[in-house]
Each structure stands twice: as structure tokens, then as C-alpha cells.
């Protein structure tokens, strides 16, 4: 089992989270969602555990650039397809600690998840 962080390297929050993990001396793998697509089964796992409203950042620039039709997501299959087409729609960073997911960087939540590993 590994610890993984999903995001884009030029995102300020992702950089802050990665720096924090390094300061905590946590061994983790970083996945740039733009260069390495997230597998559909991983996206389904995120959506199942966290919910669509947590995984998809509806305040993002990427979301505002979608058409109204694209923003009408009625099920997980549609959400997965949208995230595959537009990976920057995801709330960043997304932490995976042995299958426990946390979307967004929150030091307290991340610390608690890491202590439970």
C-alpha cells in the first residue's frame, strides 16, 4: 500500500500539500492528472467514497468553462467521463492513504489520516 497525491504540479494548494508531506517525512507518490490519466476505477472509488460534490470542484475555472449541458451530471458514469475529459475539474489535491480519500488540503485531516496508516 502506498500514499498518493493527485493533482497538477502548478497548483498552489498542491504545492503546499506536497511541501507539507515532505516536511512530515511522508513517502508518497505524486500523480499529475494532466499527464497521467486517472483510471476510471479510481475515479469511481473517489466518487463512491467522497461523493460527486466533493470530488468535482464546481468553483473552478474549468467548471465555469463547461457548457450548461456538460454541467448536468446525473450519475457516476457521467462524472467519470467528465473527469477523464477535464481532469482539472477535480478538487485538488486528492490524498489517497491506503484507500481512504481526502479531497483538498487540510493539515488536520491529512495528519489524522496519516496517523491511522
C-alpha atoms as a PDB file:
ATOM      1  CA  UNK A   1       0.000   0.000   0.000  1.00  0.00           C
ATOM      2  CA  UNK A   2       1.173   3.445  -0.812  1.00  0.00           C
ATOM      3  CA  UNK A   3       0.260   7.034  -0.158  1.00  0.00           C
ATOM      4  CA  UNK A   4      -0.614   9.000  -3.274  1.00  0.00           C
ATOM      5  CA  UNK A   5      -1.371  12.614  -4.034  1.00  0.00           C
ATOM      6  CA  UNK A   6      -3.313  13.503  -7.174  1.00  0.00           C
ATOM      7  CA  UNK A   7      -3.265  16.962  -8.671  1.00  0.00           C
ATOM      8  CA  UNK A   8      -1.414  19.291 -11.005  1.00  0.00           C
ATOM      9  CA  UNK A   9       2.084  20.497 -10.175  1.00  0.00           C
ATOM     10  CA  UNK A  10       1.462  24.195 -10.816  1.00  0.00           C
ATOM     11  CA  UNK A  11      -1.500  24.426  -8.397  1.00  0.00           C
ATOM     12  CA  UNK A  12      -0.563  26.453  -5.297  1.00  0.00           C
ATOM     13  CA  UNK A  13      -2.549  24.211  -2.965  1.00  0.00           C
ATOM     14  CA  UNK A  14      -0.970  21.080  -4.409  1.00  0.00           C
ATOM     15  CA  UNK A  15       2.500  22.580  -3.966  1.00  0.00           C
ATOM     16  CA  UNK A  16       1.671  23.498  -0.366  1.00  0.00           C
ATOM     17  CA  UNK A  17       0.388  19.982   0.341  1.00  0.00           C
ATOM     18  CA  UNK A  18       3.409  18.296  -1.227  1.00  0.00           C
ATOM     19  CA  UNK A  19       5.762  20.514   0.757  1.00  0.00           C
ATOM     20  CA  UNK A  20       3.860  19.709   3.943  1.00  0.00           C
ATOM     21  CA  UNK A  21       4.135  15.955   3.278  1.00  0.00           C
ATOM     22  CA  UNK A  22       7.861  16.305   2.644  1.00  0.00           C
ATOM     23  CA  UNK A  23       8.263  18.239   5.912  1.00  0.00           C
ATOM     24  CA  UNK A  24       6.411  15.426   7.690  1.00  0.00           C
ATOM     25  CA  UNK A  25       8.842  12.984   6.027  1.00  0.00           C
ATOM     26  CA  UNK A  26       5.995  11.058   4.415  1.00  0.00           C
ATOM     27  CA  UNK A  27       6.921   8.843   1.484  1.00  0.00           C
ATOM     28  CA  UNK A  28       4.305   9.440  -1.218  1.00  0.00           C
ATOM     29  CA  UNK A  29       3.754   9.199  -4.941  1.00  0.00           C
ATOM     30  CA  UNK A  30       2.581  12.247  -6.882  1.00  0.00           C
ATOM     31  CA  UNK A  31       0.239  11.743  -9.848  1.00  0.00           C
ATOM     32  CA  UNK A  32      -0.044  14.632 -12.280  1.00  0.00           C
ATOM     33  CA  UNK A  33      -3.608  14.147 -13.522  1.00  0.00           C
ATOM     34  CA  UNK A  34      -2.884  16.066 -16.714  1.00  0.00           C
ATOM     35  CA  UNK A  35      -0.023  13.840 -17.864  1.00  0.00           C
ATOM     36  CA  UNK A  36      -1.146  10.529 -16.361  1.00  0.00           C
ATOM     37  CA  UNK A  37      -4.896   9.958 -16.663  1.00  0.00           C
ATOM     38  CA  UNK A  38      -6.600   8.652 -13.558  1.00  0.00           C
ATOM     39  CA  UNK A  39      -8.057   5.172 -14.225  1.00  0.00           C
ATOM     40  CA  UNK A  40     -11.864   5.020 -14.293  1.00  0.00           C
ATOM     41  CA  UNK A  41     -11.945   2.566 -11.379  1.00  0.00           C
ATOM     42  CA  UNK A  42     -10.015   5.069  -9.242  1.00  0.00           C
ATOM     43  CA  UNK A  43     -12.403   7.865 -10.199  1.00  0.00           C
ATOM     44  CA  UNK A  44     -15.378   5.625  -9.297  1.00  0.00           C
ATOM     45  CA  UNK A  45     -13.759   4.895  -5.921  1.00  0.00           C
ATOM     46  CA  UNK A  46     -13.348   8.631  -5.239  1.00  0.00           C
ATOM     47  CA  UNK A  47     -16.942   9.340  -6.215  1.00  0.00           C
ATOM     48  CA  UNK A  48     -18.272   6.422  -4.159  1.00  0.00           C
ATOM     49  CA  UNK A  49     -16.386   7.383  -1.014  1.00  0.00           C
ATOM     50  CA  UNK A  50     -16.486  11.185  -1.236  1.00  0.00           C
ATOM     51  CA  UNK A  51     -19.438  12.000  -3.471  1.00  0.00           C
ATOM     52  CA  UNK A  52     -19.636  13.974  -6.662  1.00  0.00           C
ATOM     53  CA  UNK A  53     -19.986  17.352  -4.938  1.00  0.00           C
ATOM     54  CA  UNK A  54     -16.709  16.784  -3.087  1.00  0.00           C
ATOM     55  CA  UNK A  55     -14.672  15.375  -5.981  1.00  0.00           C
ATOM     56  CA  UNK A  56     -15.774  17.867  -8.643  1.00  0.00           C
ATOM     57  CA  UNK A  57     -14.773  21.444  -7.917  1.00  0.00           C
ATOM     58  CA  UNK A  58     -17.721  23.477  -9.147  1.00  0.00           C
ATOM     59  CA  UNK A  59     -15.979  26.728  -8.213  1.00  0.00           C
ATOM     60  CA  UNK A  60     -13.082  26.083 -10.589  1.00  0.00           C
ATOM     61  CA  UNK A  61     -12.305  27.869 -13.823  1.00  0.00           C
ATOM     62  CA  UNK A  62     -12.551  24.529 -15.628  1.00  0.00           C
ATOM     63  CA  UNK A  63     -16.136  24.096 -14.368  1.00  0.00           C
ATOM     64  CA  UNK A  64     -17.174  27.595 -15.458  1.00  0.00           C
ATOM     65  CA  UNK A  65     -15.809  26.898 -18.940  1.00  0.00           C
ATOM     66  CA  UNK A  66     -18.136  23.916 -19.408  1.00  0.00           C
ATOM     67  CA  UNK A  67     -21.422  24.274 -21.218  1.00  0.00           C
ATOM     68  CA  UNK A  68     -24.652  24.024 -19.214  1.00  0.00           C
ATOM     69  CA  UNK A  69     -25.272  20.636 -20.806  1.00  0.00           C
ATOM     70  CA  UNK A  70     -21.859  19.370 -19.658  1.00  0.00           C
ATOM     71  CA  UNK A  71     -22.547  20.604 -16.126  1.00  0.00           C
ATOM     72  CA  UNK A  72     -25.662  18.440 -15.865  1.00  0.00           C
ATOM     73  CA  UNK A  73     -24.208  15.341 -14.232  1.00  0.00           C
ATOM     74  CA  UNK A  74     -26.819  12.824 -13.166  1.00  0.00           C
ATOM     75  CA  UNK A  75     -24.747   9.740 -12.351  1.00  0.00           C
ATOM     76  CA  UNK A  76     -21.255   8.440 -11.593  1.00  0.00           C
ATOM     77  CA  UNK A  77     -20.648   7.298 -15.182  1.00  0.00           C
ATOM     78  CA  UNK A  78     -21.148  10.851 -16.440  1.00  0.00           C
ATOM     79  CA  UNK A  79     -18.961  12.249 -13.666  1.00  0.00           C
ATOM     80  CA  UNK A  80     -16.145   9.817 -14.519  1.00  0.00           C
ATOM     81  CA  UNK A  81     -16.315  10.684 -18.220  1.00  0.00           C
ATOM     82  CA  UNK A  82     -16.235  14.395 -17.412  1.00  0.00           C
ATOM     83  CA  UNK A  83     -13.253  13.982 -15.076  1.00  0.00           C
ATOM     84  CA  UNK A  84     -11.442  11.978 -17.742  1.00  0.00           C
ATOM     85  CA  UNK A  85     -12.019  14.721 -20.331  1.00  0.00           C
ATOM     86  CA  UNK A  86     -11.281  17.556 -17.893  1.00  0.00           C
ATOM     87  CA  UNK A  87      -9.001  16.271 -15.103  1.00  0.00           C
ATOM     88  CA  UNK A  88      -8.556  19.767 -13.634  1.00  0.00           C
ATOM     89  CA  UNK A  89     -12.204  19.645 -12.527  1.00  0.00           C
ATOM     90  CA  UNK A  90     -11.178  17.549  -9.538  1.00  0.00           C
ATOM     91  CA  UNK A  91     -10.821  19.159  -6.149  1.00  0.00           C
ATOM     92  CA  UNK A  92      -7.095  19.357  -5.596  1.00  0.00           C
ATOM     93  CA  UNK A  93      -5.084  17.854  -4.158  1.00  0.00           C
ATOM     94  CA  UNK A  94      -6.655  14.496  -3.527  1.00  0.00           C
ATOM     95  CA  UNK A  95      -4.892  12.344  -0.940  1.00  0.00           C
ATOM     96  CA  UNK A  96      -5.123   8.562  -1.021  1.00  0.00           C
ATOM     97  CA  UNK A  97      -3.925   6.911   2.177  1.00  0.00           C
ATOM     98  CA  UNK A  98      -4.416   3.195   1.639  1.00  0.00           C
ATOM     99  CA  UNK A  99      -7.851   3.697   0.094  1.00  0.00           C
ATOM    100  CA  UNK A 100      -9.021   6.491   2.381  1.00  0.00           C
ATOM    101  CA  UNK A 101      -9.523   9.603   0.268  1.00  0.00           C
ATOM    102  CA  UNK A 102      -9.416  13.263   1.253  1.00  0.00           C
ATOM    103  CA  UNK A 103     -10.143  15.964  -1.316  1.00  0.00           C
ATOM    104  CA  UNK A 104      -8.496  19.312  -0.711  1.00  0.00           C
ATOM    105  CA  UNK A 105      -5.640  20.110   1.620  1.00  0.00           C
ATOM    106  CA  UNK A 106      -6.432  20.312   5.312  1.00  0.00           C
ATOM    107  CA  UNK A 107      -3.463  19.709   7.609  1.00  0.00           C
ATOM    108  CA  UNK A 108      -5.574  18.310  10.446  1.00  0.00           C
ATOM    109  CA  UNK A 109      -7.481  15.858   8.240  1.00  0.00           C
ATOM    110  CA  UNK A 110      -4.333  14.802   6.446  1.00  0.00           C
ATOM    111  CA  UNK A 111      -2.447  14.317   9.724  1.00  0.00           C
ATOM    112  CA  UNK A 112      -5.301  12.196  11.129  1.00  0.00           C
ATOM    113  CA  UNK A 113      -5.375  10.029   8.005  1.00  0.00           C
ATOM    114  CA  UNK A 114      -1.616   9.546   8.112  1.00  0.00           C
ATOM    115  CA  UNK A 115      -1.668   8.607  11.811  1.00  0.00           C
ATOM    116  CA  UNK A 116      -4.193   5.858  11.085  1.00  0.00           C
ATOM    117  CA  UNK A 117      -1.959   4.231   8.477  1.00  0.00           C
END
